């Protein structure tokens, strides 16, 4: 299998998982009584944090795999 395809599929999976985490965080914030803007901000923060964590892990793994 081409390495580019594997990288693109992994990136798509990370984005989907980040969206799921953000949706869960926003929903839980809203159920906790937060306003809509606050819930959206918590979801956006969770999305950004998940992508940052994934980028950091990918950077560490790239050092070991090359």
C-alpha atoms as a PDB file:
ATOM      1  CA  UNK A   1       0.000   0.000   0.000  1.00  0.00           C
ATOM      2  CA  UNK A   2       1.256   3.471  -0.774  1.00  0.00           C
ATOM      3  CA  UNK A   3       2.585   5.358   2.255  1.00  0.00           C
ATOM      4  CA  UNK A   4       0.717   8.516   1.251  1.00  0.00           C
ATOM      5  CA  UNK A   5      -2.614   6.713   1.479  1.00  0.00           C
ATOM      6  CA  UNK A   6      -1.786   5.468   4.964  1.00  0.00           C
ATOM      7  CA  UNK A   7      -0.841   8.969   6.119  1.00  0.00           C
ATOM      8  CA  UNK A   8      -4.044  10.470   4.685  1.00  0.00           C
ATOM      9  CA  UNK A   9      -6.218   7.798   6.283  1.00  0.00           C
ATOM     10  CA  UNK A  10      -4.519   8.329   9.638  1.00  0.00           C
ATOM     11  CA  UNK A  11      -5.041  12.091   9.374  1.00  0.00           C
ATOM     12  CA  UNK A  12      -8.714  11.599   8.533  1.00  0.00           C
ATOM     13  CA  UNK A  13      -9.131   9.257  11.499  1.00  0.00           C
ATOM     14  CA  UNK A  14      -7.522  11.794  13.835  1.00  0.00           C
ATOM     15  CA  UNK A  15      -9.832  14.559  12.615  1.00  0.00           C
ATOM     16  CA  UNK A  16     -12.896  12.344  13.073  1.00  0.00           C
ATOM     17  CA  UNK A  17     -11.822  11.418  16.608  1.00  0.00           C
ATOM     18  CA  UNK A  18     -11.191  15.096  17.400  1.00  0.00           C
ATOM     19  CA  UNK A  19     -14.682  15.967  16.130  1.00  0.00           C
ATOM     20  CA  UNK A  20     -16.204  13.231  18.287  1.00  0.00           C
ATOM     21  CA  UNK A  21     -14.354  14.477  21.363  1.00  0.00           C
ATOM     22  CA  UNK A  22     -15.428  18.055  20.648  1.00  0.00           C
ATOM     23  CA  UNK A  23     -19.044  17.009  20.182  1.00  0.00           C
ATOM     24  CA  UNK A  24     -19.000  15.121  23.471  1.00  0.00           C
ATOM     25  CA  UNK A  25     -17.414  18.061  25.301  1.00  0.00           C
ATOM     26  CA  UNK A  26     -19.933  20.520  23.884  1.00  0.00           C
ATOM     27  CA  UNK A  27     -22.861  18.271  24.684  1.00  0.00           C
ATOM     28  CA  UNK A  28     -21.680  17.661  28.233  1.00  0.00           C
ATOM     29  CA  UNK A  29     -21.109  21.370  28.763  1.00  0.00           C
ATOM     30  CA  UNK A  30     -24.599  22.145  27.520  1.00  0.00           C
ATOM     31  CA  UNK A  31     -26.134  19.467  29.740  1.00  0.00           C
ATOM     32  CA  UNK A  32     -24.232  20.992  32.660  1.00  0.00           C
ATOM     33  CA  UNK A  33     -26.122  24.230  32.110  1.00  0.00           C
ATOM     34  CA  UNK A  34     -23.613  26.230  30.072  1.00  0.00           C
ATOM     35  CA  UNK A  35     -24.857  28.685  27.496  1.00  0.00           C
ATOM     36  CA  UNK A  36     -24.509  27.884  23.804  1.00  0.00           C
ATOM     37  CA  UNK A  37     -21.485  30.158  23.252  1.00  0.00           C
ATOM     38  CA  UNK A  38     -19.720  28.631  26.263  1.00  0.00           C
ATOM     39  CA  UNK A  39     -20.474  25.099  25.084  1.00  0.00           C
ATOM     40  CA  UNK A  40     -19.149  25.902  21.608  1.00  0.00           C
ATOM     41  CA  UNK A  41     -15.980  27.384  23.106  1.00  0.00           C
ATOM     42  CA  UNK A  42     -15.426  24.246  25.181  1.00  0.00           C
ATOM     43  CA  UNK A  43     -15.967  22.102  22.114  1.00  0.00           C
ATOM     44  CA  UNK A  44     -13.513  24.207  20.099  1.00  0.00           C
ATOM     45  CA  UNK A  45     -10.939  24.012  22.891  1.00  0.00           C
ATOM     46  CA  UNK A  46     -11.292  20.245  23.038  1.00  0.00           C
ATOM     47  CA  UNK A  47     -10.967  19.962  19.258  1.00  0.00           C
ATOM     48  CA  UNK A  48      -7.808  22.069  19.224  1.00  0.00           C
ATOM     49  CA  UNK A  49      -6.309  20.199  22.164  1.00  0.00           C
ATOM     50  CA  UNK A  50      -6.963  16.835  20.537  1.00  0.00           C
ATOM     51  CA  UNK A  51      -5.322  17.898  17.285  1.00  0.00           C
ATOM     52  CA  UNK A  52      -2.351  19.353  19.183  1.00  0.00           C
ATOM     53  CA  UNK A  53      -1.896  16.141  21.132  1.00  0.00           C
ATOM     54  CA  UNK A  54      -2.079  14.089  17.945  1.00  0.00           C
ATOM     55  CA  UNK A  55       0.524  16.319  16.273  1.00  0.00           C
ATOM     56  CA  UNK A  56       2.850  15.981  19.247  1.00  0.00           C
ATOM     57  CA  UNK A  57       2.512  12.199  19.265  1.00  0.00           C
ATOM     58  CA  UNK A  58       3.099  12.068  15.515  1.00  0.00           C
ATOM     59  CA  UNK A  59       6.239  14.148  15.908  1.00  0.00           C
ATOM     60  CA  UNK A  60       7.623  11.825  18.564  1.00  0.00           C
ATOM     61  CA  UNK A  61       6.777   8.733  16.548  1.00  0.00           C
ATOM     62  CA  UNK A  62       8.351  10.212  13.419  1.00  0.00           C
ATOM     63  CA  UNK A  63      11.653  10.499  15.240  1.00  0.00           C
ATOM     64  CA  UNK A  64      11.597   6.823  16.153  1.00  0.00           C
ATOM     65  CA  UNK A  65      10.399   5.519  12.783  1.00  0.00           C
ATOM     66  CA  UNK A  66      12.953   7.303  10.600  1.00  0.00           C
END
